[in-house]
Amino acid sequence: MNNKEEILKRSRNSKRDEGMEFVENKGRTIGFRALCVIFIFIVLFNLFMGKRSDEVSALFWAYLAFESIPKYKFTHEKAYLVTTIFGIIASLASLLNFILTSLR
């Protein structure tokens, strides 16, 4: 019984607010979905206009790659590792294309 009270006391004294964590995670999920929609719109619009989308692609793939790293470390699911590796490669390739086309 003493152990239960001690755990409850530590939980109450903790600076961590689970409600705030929930809201922040919900916001991240909504933000990521909005990012995806805007990314797809920009890429399709640029494709229609005959322009490249290397800048936004570099940002999108970097975000996706680095978001997958802690997920892989926690779950050890190969899909997150593949996403990380592919995302880093795609981000670097897009960044390199952006730099090279900008310098022409």
N, C-alpha and C. Protein backbone atom coordinates (compact mmCIF):
# COMPACT_ATOMS: atom_id res chain seq x y z
N MET A 1 0.83 -1.19 0.00
CA MET A 1 0.00 0.00 0.00
C MET A 1 0.87 1.25 0.00
N ASN A 2 1.92 1.23 0.75
CA ASN A 2 2.83 2.36 0.83
C ASN A 2 3.44 2.67 -0.54
N ASN A 3 3.76 1.62 -1.29
CA ASN A 3 4.34 1.79 -2.61
C ASN A 3 3.37 2.51 -3.55
N LYS A 4 2.09 2.16 -3.46
CA LYS A 4 1.07 2.78 -4.30
C LYS A 4 0.96 4.27 -3.99
N GLU A 5 0.96 4.62 -2.71
CA GLU A 5 0.89 6.02 -2.30
C GLU A 5 2.12 6.80 -2.76
N GLU A 6 3.27 6.15 -2.69
CA GLU A 6 4.51 6.80 -3.12
C GLU A 6 4.47 7.07 -4.62
N ILE A 7 3.96 6.13 -5.39
CA ILE A 7 3.85 6.30 -6.84
C ILE A 7 2.89 7.43 -7.16
N LEU A 8 1.75 7.46 -6.48
CA LEU A 8 0.78 8.54 -6.69
C LEU A 8 1.37 9.90 -6.33
N LYS A 9 2.12 9.96 -5.24
CA LYS A 9 2.75 11.21 -4.81
C LYS A 9 3.75 11.69 -5.86
N ARG A 10 4.57 10.77 -6.36
CA ARG A 10 5.55 11.14 -7.40
C ARG A 10 4.85 11.62 -8.66
N SER A 11 3.75 10.96 -8.99
CA SER A 11 2.99 11.34 -10.18
C SER A 11 2.41 12.74 -10.03
N ARG A 12 1.90 13.06 -8.85
CA ARG A 12 1.33 14.39 -8.61
C ARG A 12 2.40 15.47 -8.62
N ASN A 13 3.58 15.15 -8.12
CA ASN A 13 4.68 16.11 -8.06
C ASN A 13 5.39 16.27 -9.40
N SER A 14 5.11 15.38 -10.31
CA SER A 14 5.76 15.43 -11.61
C SER A 14 5.35 16.69 -12.36
N LYS A 15 6.28 17.24 -13.10
CA LYS A 15 6.00 18.44 -13.90
C LYS A 15 5.25 18.07 -15.18
N ARG A 16 5.20 16.78 -15.49
CA ARG A 16 4.57 16.30 -16.71
C ARG A 16 3.05 16.37 -16.60
N ASP A 17 2.44 17.02 -17.54
CA ASP A 17 0.98 17.13 -17.58
C ASP A 17 0.49 16.26 -18.73
N GLU A 18 -0.15 15.15 -18.39
CA GLU A 18 -0.59 14.20 -19.41
C GLU A 18 -1.63 14.80 -20.35
N GLY A 19 -2.46 15.68 -19.84
CA GLY A 19 -3.44 16.36 -20.70
C GLY A 19 -2.75 17.20 -21.75
N MET A 20 -1.72 17.94 -21.34
CA MET A 20 -0.98 18.76 -22.28
C MET A 20 -0.24 17.89 -23.30
N GLU A 21 0.34 16.79 -22.84
CA GLU A 21 1.02 15.87 -23.76
C GLU A 21 0.05 15.33 -24.80
N PHE A 22 -1.16 14.99 -24.37
CA PHE A 22 -2.16 14.48 -25.29
C PHE A 22 -2.51 15.52 -26.34
N VAL A 23 -2.73 16.76 -25.90
CA VAL A 23 -3.08 17.84 -26.82
C VAL A 23 -1.93 18.11 -27.79
N GLU A 24 -0.69 18.12 -27.29
CA GLU A 24 0.46 18.34 -28.16
C GLU A 24 0.59 17.24 -29.20
N ASN A 25 0.40 15.99 -28.79
CA ASN A 25 0.47 14.88 -29.74
C ASN A 25 -0.65 14.95 -30.77
N LYS A 26 -1.83 15.34 -30.34
CA LYS A 26 -2.96 15.51 -31.26
C LYS A 26 -2.64 16.62 -32.26
N GLY A 27 -2.05 17.71 -31.76
CA GLY A 27 -1.66 18.82 -32.63
C GLY A 27 -0.61 18.40 -33.64
N ARG A 28 0.34 17.58 -33.21
CA ARG A 28 1.37 17.08 -34.13
C ARG A 28 0.76 16.23 -35.23
N THR A 29 -0.20 15.40 -34.86
CA THR A 29 -0.85 14.55 -35.85
C THR A 29 -1.60 15.38 -36.88
N ILE A 30 -2.35 16.35 -36.42
CA ILE A 30 -3.08 17.23 -37.33
C ILE A 30 -2.10 18.04 -38.17
N GLY A 31 -1.05 18.54 -37.55
CA GLY A 31 -0.04 19.31 -38.27
C GLY A 31 0.64 18.49 -39.35
N PHE A 32 0.94 17.22 -39.06
CA PHE A 32 1.58 16.37 -40.06
C PHE A 32 0.65 16.12 -41.24
N ARG A 33 -0.62 15.90 -40.96
CA ARG A 33 -1.58 15.70 -42.05
C ARG A 33 -1.70 16.95 -42.91
N ALA A 34 -1.73 18.11 -42.27
CA ALA A 34 -1.79 19.36 -43.02
C ALA A 34 -0.53 19.54 -43.86
N LEU A 35 0.62 19.21 -43.30
CA LEU A 35 1.89 19.28 -44.03
C LEU A 35 1.83 18.40 -45.27
N CYS A 36 1.31 17.19 -45.13
CA CYS A 36 1.22 16.27 -46.27
C CYS A 36 0.31 16.82 -47.36
N VAL A 37 -0.84 17.36 -46.97
CA VAL A 37 -1.78 17.92 -47.94
C VAL A 37 -1.15 19.09 -48.68
N ILE A 38 -0.51 19.99 -47.96
CA ILE A 38 0.13 21.15 -48.58
C ILE A 38 1.29 20.72 -49.46
N PHE A 39 2.07 19.75 -49.02
CA PHE A 39 3.18 19.22 -49.82
C PHE A 39 2.66 18.66 -51.14
N ILE A 40 1.63 17.83 -51.08
CA ILE A 40 1.07 17.24 -52.30
C ILE A 40 0.54 18.33 -53.22
N PHE A 41 -0.15 19.32 -52.66
CA PHE A 41 -0.67 20.41 -53.48
C PHE A 41 0.46 21.15 -54.19
N ILE A 42 1.51 21.51 -53.45
CA ILE A 42 2.63 22.25 -54.05
C ILE A 42 3.31 21.43 -55.14
N VAL A 43 3.55 20.15 -54.87
CA VAL A 43 4.20 19.29 -55.87
C VAL A 43 3.33 19.17 -57.12
N LEU A 44 2.04 18.93 -56.96
CA LEU A 44 1.15 18.82 -58.12
C LEU A 44 1.03 20.14 -58.87
N PHE A 45 0.92 21.24 -58.14
CA PHE A 45 0.84 22.55 -58.78
C PHE A 45 2.11 22.84 -59.57
N ASN A 46 3.27 22.59 -58.96
CA ASN A 46 4.53 22.81 -59.66
C ASN A 46 4.66 21.90 -60.87
N LEU A 47 4.21 20.67 -60.75
CA LEU A 47 4.24 19.73 -61.88
C LEU A 47 3.38 20.26 -63.02
N PHE A 48 2.19 20.75 -62.69
CA PHE A 48 1.29 21.33 -63.68
C PHE A 48 1.91 22.56 -64.35
N MET A 49 2.65 23.35 -63.56
CA MET A 49 3.27 24.58 -64.08
C MET A 49 4.64 24.31 -64.72
N GLY A 50 5.09 23.08 -64.70
CA GLY A 50 6.38 22.73 -65.30
C GLY A 50 7.57 23.14 -64.44
N LYS A 51 7.37 23.24 -63.15
CA LYS A 51 8.45 23.62 -62.23
C LYS A 51 8.83 22.44 -61.36
N ARG A 52 10.01 22.54 -60.77
CA ARG A 52 10.51 21.50 -59.86
C ARG A 52 10.07 21.81 -58.43
N SER A 53 10.09 20.80 -57.59
CA SER A 53 9.69 20.96 -56.19
C SER A 53 10.78 20.47 -55.25
N ASP A 54 12.02 20.68 -55.62
CA ASP A 54 13.13 20.15 -54.82
C ASP A 54 13.19 20.73 -53.41
N GLU A 55 12.86 22.01 -53.25
CA GLU A 55 12.95 22.63 -51.93
C GLU A 55 11.99 21.99 -50.94
N VAL A 56 10.71 21.92 -51.34
CA VAL A 56 9.72 21.34 -50.43
C VAL A 56 9.93 19.84 -50.26
N SER A 57 10.44 19.19 -51.30
CA SER A 57 10.72 17.75 -51.19
C SER A 57 11.82 17.50 -50.17
N ALA A 58 12.86 18.32 -50.20
CA ALA A 58 13.96 18.16 -49.24
C ALA A 58 13.45 18.32 -47.81
N LEU A 59 12.61 19.31 -47.59
CA LEU A 59 12.05 19.54 -46.25
C LEU A 59 11.13 18.39 -45.82
N PHE A 60 10.26 17.97 -46.72
CA PHE A 60 9.30 16.92 -46.40
C PHE A 60 10.00 15.61 -46.06
N TRP A 61 10.94 15.19 -46.91
CA TRP A 61 11.62 13.91 -46.68
C TRP A 61 12.51 13.96 -45.44
N ALA A 62 13.11 15.10 -45.18
CA ALA A 62 13.92 15.22 -43.96
C ALA A 62 13.03 15.09 -42.72
N TYR A 63 11.90 15.75 -42.74
CA TYR A 63 10.97 15.65 -41.61
C TYR A 63 10.54 14.21 -41.40
N LEU A 64 10.13 13.56 -42.48
CA LEU A 64 9.66 12.18 -42.38
C LEU A 64 10.75 11.25 -41.87
N ALA A 65 11.97 11.44 -42.36
CA ALA A 65 13.09 10.58 -41.95
C ALA A 65 13.40 10.74 -40.47
N PHE A 66 13.52 11.98 -40.03
CA PHE A 66 13.93 12.21 -38.65
C PHE A 66 12.80 11.98 -37.65
N GLU A 67 11.56 12.01 -38.12
CA GLU A 67 10.45 11.62 -37.25
C GLU A 67 10.44 10.10 -37.05
N SER A 68 10.95 9.36 -38.02
CA SER A 68 10.93 7.90 -37.95
C SER A 68 12.04 7.32 -37.07
N ILE A 69 13.10 8.08 -36.83
CA ILE A 69 14.22 7.56 -36.04
C ILE A 69 13.79 7.14 -34.63
N PRO A 70 13.15 8.00 -33.85
CA PRO A 70 12.76 7.55 -32.50
C PRO A 70 11.71 6.44 -32.53
N LYS A 71 10.87 6.43 -33.56
CA LYS A 71 9.88 5.36 -33.68
C LYS A 71 10.58 4.03 -33.90
N TYR A 72 11.62 4.04 -34.74
CA TYR A 72 12.37 2.80 -34.97
C TYR A 72 13.09 2.36 -33.69
N LYS A 73 13.71 3.31 -33.01
CA LYS A 73 14.42 2.97 -31.77
C LYS A 73 13.49 2.36 -30.73
N PHE A 74 12.25 2.81 -30.70
CA PHE A 74 11.29 2.32 -29.71
C PHE A 74 10.69 0.98 -30.11
N THR A 75 10.32 0.84 -31.40
CA THR A 75 9.59 -0.36 -31.83
C THR A 75 10.46 -1.40 -32.54
N HIS A 76 11.58 -0.97 -33.09
CA HIS A 76 12.46 -1.83 -33.90
C HIS A 76 11.74 -2.40 -35.12
N GLU A 77 10.72 -1.69 -35.60
CA GLU A 77 10.03 -2.11 -36.81
C GLU A 77 10.85 -1.67 -38.02
N LYS A 78 11.07 -2.60 -38.93
CA LYS A 78 11.91 -2.32 -40.10
C LYS A 78 11.31 -1.24 -41.00
N ALA A 79 10.00 -1.09 -40.98
CA ALA A 79 9.36 -0.06 -41.81
C ALA A 79 9.86 1.33 -41.42
N TYR A 80 10.06 1.57 -40.14
CA TYR A 80 10.58 2.87 -39.69
C TYR A 80 12.03 3.05 -40.09
N LEU A 81 12.80 1.98 -40.06
CA LEU A 81 14.20 2.05 -40.49
C LEU A 81 14.28 2.34 -41.98
N VAL A 82 13.45 1.67 -42.77
CA VAL A 82 13.41 1.90 -44.22
C VAL A 82 12.98 3.33 -44.50
N THR A 83 11.97 3.81 -43.79
CA THR A 83 11.51 5.19 -43.96
C THR A 83 12.62 6.18 -43.63
N THR A 84 13.36 5.91 -42.57
CA THR A 84 14.47 6.78 -42.19
C THR A 84 15.54 6.82 -43.28
N ILE A 85 15.96 5.66 -43.73
CA ILE A 85 17.02 5.59 -44.74
C ILE A 85 16.56 6.21 -46.05
N PHE A 86 15.37 5.81 -46.52
CA PHE A 86 14.85 6.36 -47.76
C PHE A 86 14.64 7.87 -47.65
N GLY A 87 14.10 8.31 -46.53
CA GLY A 87 13.84 9.74 -46.33
C GLY A 87 15.11 10.57 -46.35
N ILE A 88 16.17 10.07 -45.71
CA ILE A 88 17.45 10.79 -45.71
C ILE A 88 18.02 10.86 -47.12
N ILE A 89 17.98 9.74 -47.84
CA ILE A 89 18.49 9.72 -49.22
C ILE A 89 17.68 10.66 -50.10
N ALA A 90 16.35 10.58 -50.01
CA ALA A 90 15.49 11.44 -50.82
C ALA A 90 15.69 12.92 -50.47
N SER A 91 15.85 13.21 -49.19
CA SER A 91 16.07 14.59 -48.77
C SER A 91 17.39 15.13 -49.30
N LEU A 92 18.44 14.34 -49.16
CA LEU A 92 19.75 14.78 -49.66
C LEU A 92 19.75 14.93 -51.18
N ALA A 93 19.09 14.02 -51.88
CA ALA A 93 19.01 14.11 -53.34
C ALA A 93 18.24 15.37 -53.76
N SER A 94 17.12 15.63 -53.09
CA SER A 94 16.33 16.83 -53.40
C SER A 94 17.11 18.10 -53.08
N LEU A 95 17.81 18.09 -51.97
CA LEU A 95 18.61 19.25 -51.59
C LEU A 95 19.73 19.49 -52.59
N LEU A 96 20.39 18.42 -53.01
CA LEU A 96 21.45 18.54 -54.01
C LEU A 96 20.90 19.05 -55.33
N ASN A 97 19.75 18.53 -55.77
CA ASN A 97 19.11 19.03 -57.00
C ASN A 97 18.77 20.51 -56.87
N PHE A 98 18.25 20.90 -55.73
CA PHE A 98 17.90 22.31 -55.51
C PHE A 98 19.14 23.19 -55.63
N ILE A 99 20.22 22.78 -54.99
CA ILE A 99 21.46 23.57 -55.02
C ILE A 99 22.01 23.65 -56.44
N LEU A 100 22.08 22.51 -57.11
CA LEU A 100 22.65 22.49 -58.46
C LEU A 100 21.82 23.29 -59.46
N THR A 101 20.50 23.19 -59.39
CA THR A 101 19.66 23.97 -60.31
C THR A 101 19.68 25.45 -59.95
N SER A 102 19.87 25.78 -58.71
CA SER A 102 19.95 27.20 -58.31
C SER A 102 21.24 27.85 -58.77
N LEU A 103 22.30 27.07 -58.87
CA LEU A 103 23.60 27.62 -59.26
C LEU A 103 23.77 27.74 -60.76
N ARG A 104 22.85 27.25 -61.54
CA ARG A 104 22.97 27.34 -63.02
C ARG A 104 22.65 28.70 -63.52
